[in-house]
Amino acid sequence: MNDTIIKDTLKVASETITKSIASESNEKINWWLWIAIIEFAFIVFLILKQKIKPKDTIKQEFKKKSLEQEIDFNNIINSSFNSKQLYDELKVKVHPDRFSTDKEKNIIADKLFQEITENQNNAKRLIELKEEAKQKLNINF
């Protein structure tokens, strides 16, 4: 009796397996599932690529940007030796307090003074600001 039960059980199991295999082969392949799996793999690949990629430090980025720009050595030398005297002269002559009686000149002097302060180590820009002060504020240097 036990033999017949086991044989019947095996027969039913084999029929069930063959039916499921046959039904699976007749079903259409779910393409959307495969597309989603491929997209997921692609996203994971991109994320890993970004993680593995060496990141430039701030110093390296500054170096890259600096090398891309044109260097004006004359301005560097002039700035090293002449910018302090030029800055001192301009900050006195263009100070907004000297133009407190004329509102329009006071506003212009304030803007120029701010630029002079920002560019106190850039001789080329200070010379440009000196010419601008001569024109707009009628200052004699």
C-alpha atoms as a PDB file:
ATOM      1  CA  MET A   1       0.000   0.000   0.000  1.00  0.00           C
ATOM      2  CA  ASN A   2       2.793   2.354   0.813  1.00  0.00           C
ATOM      3  CA  ASP A   3       4.333   1.629  -2.583  1.00  0.00           C
ATOM      4  CA  THR A   4       1.159   2.584  -4.380  1.00  0.00           C
ATOM      5  CA  ILE A   5       0.825   5.806  -2.377  1.00  0.00           C
ATOM      6  CA  ILE A   6       4.414   6.785  -3.195  1.00  0.00           C
ATOM      7  CA  LYS A   7       3.960   5.871  -6.865  1.00  0.00           C
ATOM      8  CA  ASP A   8       0.718   7.848  -7.045  1.00  0.00           C
ATOM      9  CA  THR A   9       2.349  10.818  -5.324  1.00  0.00           C
ATOM     10  CA  LEU A  10       5.309  10.747  -7.726  1.00  0.00           C
ATOM     11  CA  LYS A  11       2.946  10.442 -10.687  1.00  0.00           C
ATOM     12  CA  VAL A  12       0.903  13.449  -9.561  1.00  0.00           C
ATOM     13  CA  ALA A  13       4.077  15.476  -8.867  1.00  0.00           C
ATOM     14  CA  SER A  14       5.534  14.676 -12.284  1.00  0.00           C
ATOM     15  CA  GLU A  15       2.277  15.608 -13.995  1.00  0.00           C
ATOM     16  CA  THR A  16       2.145  18.863 -12.076  1.00  0.00           C
ATOM     17  CA  ILE A  17       5.738  19.710 -12.989  1.00  0.00           C
ATOM     18  CA  THR A  18       5.203  18.938 -16.675  1.00  0.00           C
ATOM     19  CA  LYS A  19       2.034  21.043 -16.698  1.00  0.00           C
ATOM     20  CA  SER A  20       3.792  23.995 -15.047  1.00  0.00           C
ATOM     21  CA  ILE A  21       6.732  23.750 -17.469  1.00  0.00           C
ATOM     22  CA  ALA A  22       4.362  23.578 -20.410  1.00  0.00           C
ATOM     23  CA  SER A  23       2.347  26.539 -19.169  1.00  0.00           C
ATOM     24  CA  GLU A  24       5.516  28.566 -18.544  1.00  0.00           C
ATOM     25  CA  SER A  25       6.775  27.944 -22.061  1.00  0.00           C
ATOM     26  CA  ASN A  26       3.418  29.051 -23.481  1.00  0.00           C
ATOM     27  CA  GLU A  27       3.382  32.295 -21.474  1.00  0.00           C
ATOM     28  CA  LYS A  28       4.840  35.411 -23.050  1.00  0.00           C
ATOM     29  CA  ILE A  29       8.101  36.724 -21.702  1.00  0.00           C
ATOM     30  CA  ASN A  30       7.569  39.741 -19.518  1.00  0.00           C
ATOM     31  CA  TRP A  31       9.743  42.255 -21.416  1.00  0.00           C
ATOM     32  CA  TRP A  32       9.000  45.125 -19.058  1.00  0.00           C
ATOM     33  CA  LEU A  33      10.495  43.170 -16.193  1.00  0.00           C
ATOM     34  CA  TRP A  34      13.706  42.601 -18.143  1.00  0.00           C
ATOM     35  CA  ILE A  35      13.869  46.250 -19.190  1.00  0.00           C
ATOM     36  CA  ALA A  36      13.476  47.301 -15.553  1.00  0.00           C
ATOM     37  CA  ILE A  37      16.226  44.884 -14.488  1.00  0.00           C
ATOM     38  CA  ILE A  38      18.578  46.233 -17.172  1.00  0.00           C
ATOM     39  CA  GLU A  39      17.813  49.834 -16.163  1.00  0.00           C
ATOM     40  CA  PHE A  40      18.469  48.976 -12.532  1.00  0.00           C
ATOM     41  CA  ALA A  41      21.806  47.380 -13.429  1.00  0.00           C
ATOM     42  CA  PHE A  42      22.746  50.448 -15.491  1.00  0.00           C
ATOM     43  CA  ILE A  43      21.912  52.810 -12.601  1.00  0.00           C
ATOM     44  CA  VAL A  44      23.935  50.691 -10.177  1.00  0.00           C
ATOM     45  CA  PHE A  45      26.845  50.745 -12.657  1.00  0.00           C
ATOM     46  CA  LEU A  46      26.710  54.556 -12.899  1.00  0.00           C
ATOM     47  CA  ILE A  47      26.570  54.975  -9.127  1.00  0.00           C
ATOM     48  CA  LEU A  48      29.540  52.672  -8.625  1.00  0.00           C
ATOM     49  CA  LYS A  49      31.451  54.487 -11.350  1.00  0.00           C
ATOM     50  CA  GLN A  50      30.896  57.816  -9.542  1.00  0.00           C
ATOM     51  CA  LYS A  51      31.931  56.341  -6.192  1.00  0.00           C
ATOM     52  CA  ILE A  52      35.119  54.806  -7.577  1.00  0.00           C
ATOM     53  CA  LYS A  53      36.100  57.899  -9.598  1.00  0.00           C
ATOM     54  CA  PRO A  54      38.790  59.880  -7.744  1.00  0.00           C
ATOM     55  CA  LYS A  55      37.572  63.284  -6.677  1.00  0.00           C
ATOM     56  CA  ASP A  56      39.704  66.338  -7.253  1.00  0.00           C
ATOM     57  CA  THR A  57      40.615  68.213  -4.144  1.00  0.00           C
ATOM     58  CA  ILE A  58      39.998  71.943  -3.905  1.00  0.00           C
ATOM     59  CA  LYS A  59      43.694  72.539  -4.435  1.00  0.00           C
ATOM     60  CA  GLN A  60      43.702  70.453  -7.646  1.00  0.00           C
ATOM     61  CA  GLU A  61      40.605  72.240  -8.976  1.00  0.00           C
ATOM     62  CA  PHE A  62      42.238  75.620  -8.265  1.00  0.00           C
ATOM     63  CA  LYS A  63      45.364  74.470 -10.071  1.00  0.00           C
ATOM     64  CA  LYS A  64      43.342  73.386 -13.129  1.00  0.00           C
ATOM     65  CA  LYS A  65      41.490  76.697 -13.280  1.00  0.00           C
ATOM     66  CA  SER A  66      44.701  78.647 -12.798  1.00  0.00           C
ATOM     67  CA  LEU A  67      46.468  76.807 -15.602  1.00  0.00           C
ATOM     68  CA  GLU A  68      43.565  77.472 -17.965  1.00  0.00           C
ATOM     69  CA  GLN A  69      43.787  81.233 -17.410  1.00  0.00           C
ATOM     70  CA  GLU A  70      46.272  83.584 -18.979  1.00  0.00           C
ATOM     71  CA  ILE A  71      48.838  84.944 -16.539  1.00  0.00           C
ATOM     72  CA  ASP A  72      49.866  88.604 -16.610  1.00  0.00           C
ATOM     73  CA  PHE A  73      53.347  88.607 -15.083  1.00  0.00           C
ATOM     74  CA  ASN A  74      53.734  92.385 -15.424  1.00  0.00           C
ATOM     75  CA  ASN A  75      50.657  92.870 -13.255  1.00  0.00           C
ATOM     76  CA  ILE A  76      51.978  90.371 -10.705  1.00  0.00           C
ATOM     77  CA  ILE A  77      55.298  92.199 -10.438  1.00  0.00           C
ATOM     78  CA  ASN A  78      53.663  95.650 -10.336  1.00  0.00           C
ATOM     79  CA  SER A  79      51.189  94.417  -7.743  1.00  0.00           C
ATOM     80  CA  SER A  80      54.013  93.082  -5.605  1.00  0.00           C
ATOM     81  CA  PHE A  81      55.956  96.338  -5.573  1.00  0.00           C
ATOM     82  CA  ASN A  82      53.604  99.211  -6.437  1.00  0.00           C
ATOM     83  CA  SER A  83      50.091  98.314  -5.315  1.00  0.00           C
ATOM     84  CA  LYS A  84      50.540  99.350  -1.676  1.00  0.00           C
ATOM     85  CA  GLN A  85      51.534 102.955  -2.526  1.00  0.00           C
ATOM     86  CA  LEU A  86      48.841 103.252  -5.180  1.00  0.00           C
ATOM     87  CA  TYR A  87      46.232 101.827  -2.817  1.00  0.00           C
ATOM     88  CA  ASP A  88      47.207 104.239  -0.035  1.00  0.00           C
ATOM     89  CA  GLU A  89      47.000 107.203  -2.411  1.00  0.00           C
ATOM     90  CA  LEU A  90      43.620 106.163  -3.822  1.00  0.00           C
ATOM     91  CA  LYS A  91      41.989 105.370  -0.488  1.00  0.00           C
ATOM     92  CA  VAL A  92      42.779 108.889   0.734  1.00  0.00           C
ATOM     93  CA  LYS A  93      41.766 110.751  -2.439  1.00  0.00           C
ATOM     94  CA  VAL A  94      38.589 108.775  -3.214  1.00  0.00           C
ATOM     95  CA  HIS A  95      37.250 108.335   0.326  1.00  0.00           C
ATOM     96  CA  PRO A  96      33.482 109.059   0.367  1.00  0.00           C
ATOM     97  CA  ASP A  97      33.806 111.416   3.358  1.00  0.00           C
ATOM     98  CA  ARG A  98      35.647 113.903   1.110  1.00  0.00           C
ATOM     99  CA  PHE A  99      32.501 114.233  -1.023  1.00  0.00           C
ATOM    100  CA  SER A 100      29.893 114.553   1.730  1.00  0.00           C
ATOM    101  CA  THR A 101      28.521 117.833   0.310  1.00  0.00           C
ATOM    102  CA  ASP A 102      27.701 116.419  -3.142  1.00  0.00           C
ATOM    103  CA  LYS A 103      25.374 113.393  -2.916  1.00  0.00           C
ATOM    104  CA  GLU A 104      25.991 112.195  -6.488  1.00  0.00           C
ATOM    105  CA  LYS A 105      29.773 112.296  -6.127  1.00  0.00           C
ATOM    106  CA  ASN A 106      29.472 110.688  -2.698  1.00  0.00           C
ATOM    107  CA  ILE A 107      27.674 107.677  -4.240  1.00  0.00           C
ATOM    108  CA  ILE A 108      30.266 107.396  -7.023  1.00  0.00           C
ATOM    109  CA  ALA A 109      33.110 107.745  -4.516  1.00  0.00           C
ATOM    110  CA  ASP A 110      31.563 105.059  -2.315  1.00  0.00           C
ATOM    111  CA  LYS A 111      31.388 102.578  -5.203  1.00  0.00           C
ATOM    112  CA  LEU A 112      34.926 103.391  -6.299  1.00  0.00           C
ATOM    113  CA  PHE A 113      36.203 103.123  -2.731  1.00  0.00           C
ATOM    114  CA  GLN A 114      34.643  99.664  -2.373  1.00  0.00           C
ATOM    115  CA  GLU A 115      36.296  98.507  -5.601  1.00  0.00           C
ATOM    116  CA  ILE A 116      39.613  99.991  -4.526  1.00  0.00           C
ATOM    117  CA  THR A 117      39.385  98.093  -1.248  1.00  0.00           C
ATOM    118  CA  GLU A 118      38.530  94.832  -3.046  1.00  0.00           C
ATOM    119  CA  ASN A 119      41.436  95.246  -5.472  1.00  0.00           C
ATOM    120  CA  GLN A 120      44.065  96.587  -3.099  1.00  0.00           C
ATOM    121  CA  ASN A 121      46.624  94.023  -4.317  1.00  0.00           C
ATOM    122  CA  ASN A 122      45.878  94.329  -8.042  1.00  0.00           C
ATOM    123  CA  ALA A 123      47.960  97.170  -9.509  1.00  0.00           C
ATOM    124  CA  LYS A 124      46.393  96.926 -12.978  1.00  0.00           C
ATOM    125  CA  ARG A 125      42.877  97.354 -11.624  1.00  0.00           C
ATOM    126  CA  LEU A 126      43.980 100.140  -9.255  1.00  0.00           C
ATOM    127  CA  ILE A 127      45.382 102.101 -12.210  1.00  0.00           C
ATOM    128  CA  GLU A 128      42.058 101.672 -14.025  1.00  0.00           C
ATOM    129  CA  LEU A 129      40.201 102.873 -10.926  1.00  0.00           C
ATOM    130  CA  LYS A 130      42.540 105.871 -10.648  1.00  0.00           C
ATOM    131  CA  GLU A 131      41.649 106.910 -14.213  1.00  0.00           C
ATOM    132  CA  GLU A 132      37.965 106.385 -13.456  1.00  0.00           C
ATOM    133  CA  ALA A 133      38.258 108.566 -10.344  1.00  0.00           C
ATOM    134  CA  LYS A 134      39.947 111.307 -12.415  1.00  0.00           C
ATOM    135  CA  GLN A 135      37.079 111.278 -14.894  1.00  0.00           C
ATOM    136  CA  LYS A 136      34.090 110.894 -12.593  1.00  0.00           C
ATOM    137  CA  LEU A 137      35.229 112.802  -9.513  1.00  0.00           C
ATOM    138  CA  ASN A 138      37.579 115.363 -11.085  1.00  0.00           C
ATOM    139  CA  ILE A 139      40.442 114.436  -8.779  1.00  0.00           C
ATOM    140  CA  ASN A 140      43.976 115.579  -9.611  1.00  0.00           C
ATOM    141  CA  PHE A 141      46.675 113.143  -8.608  1.00  0.00           C
END
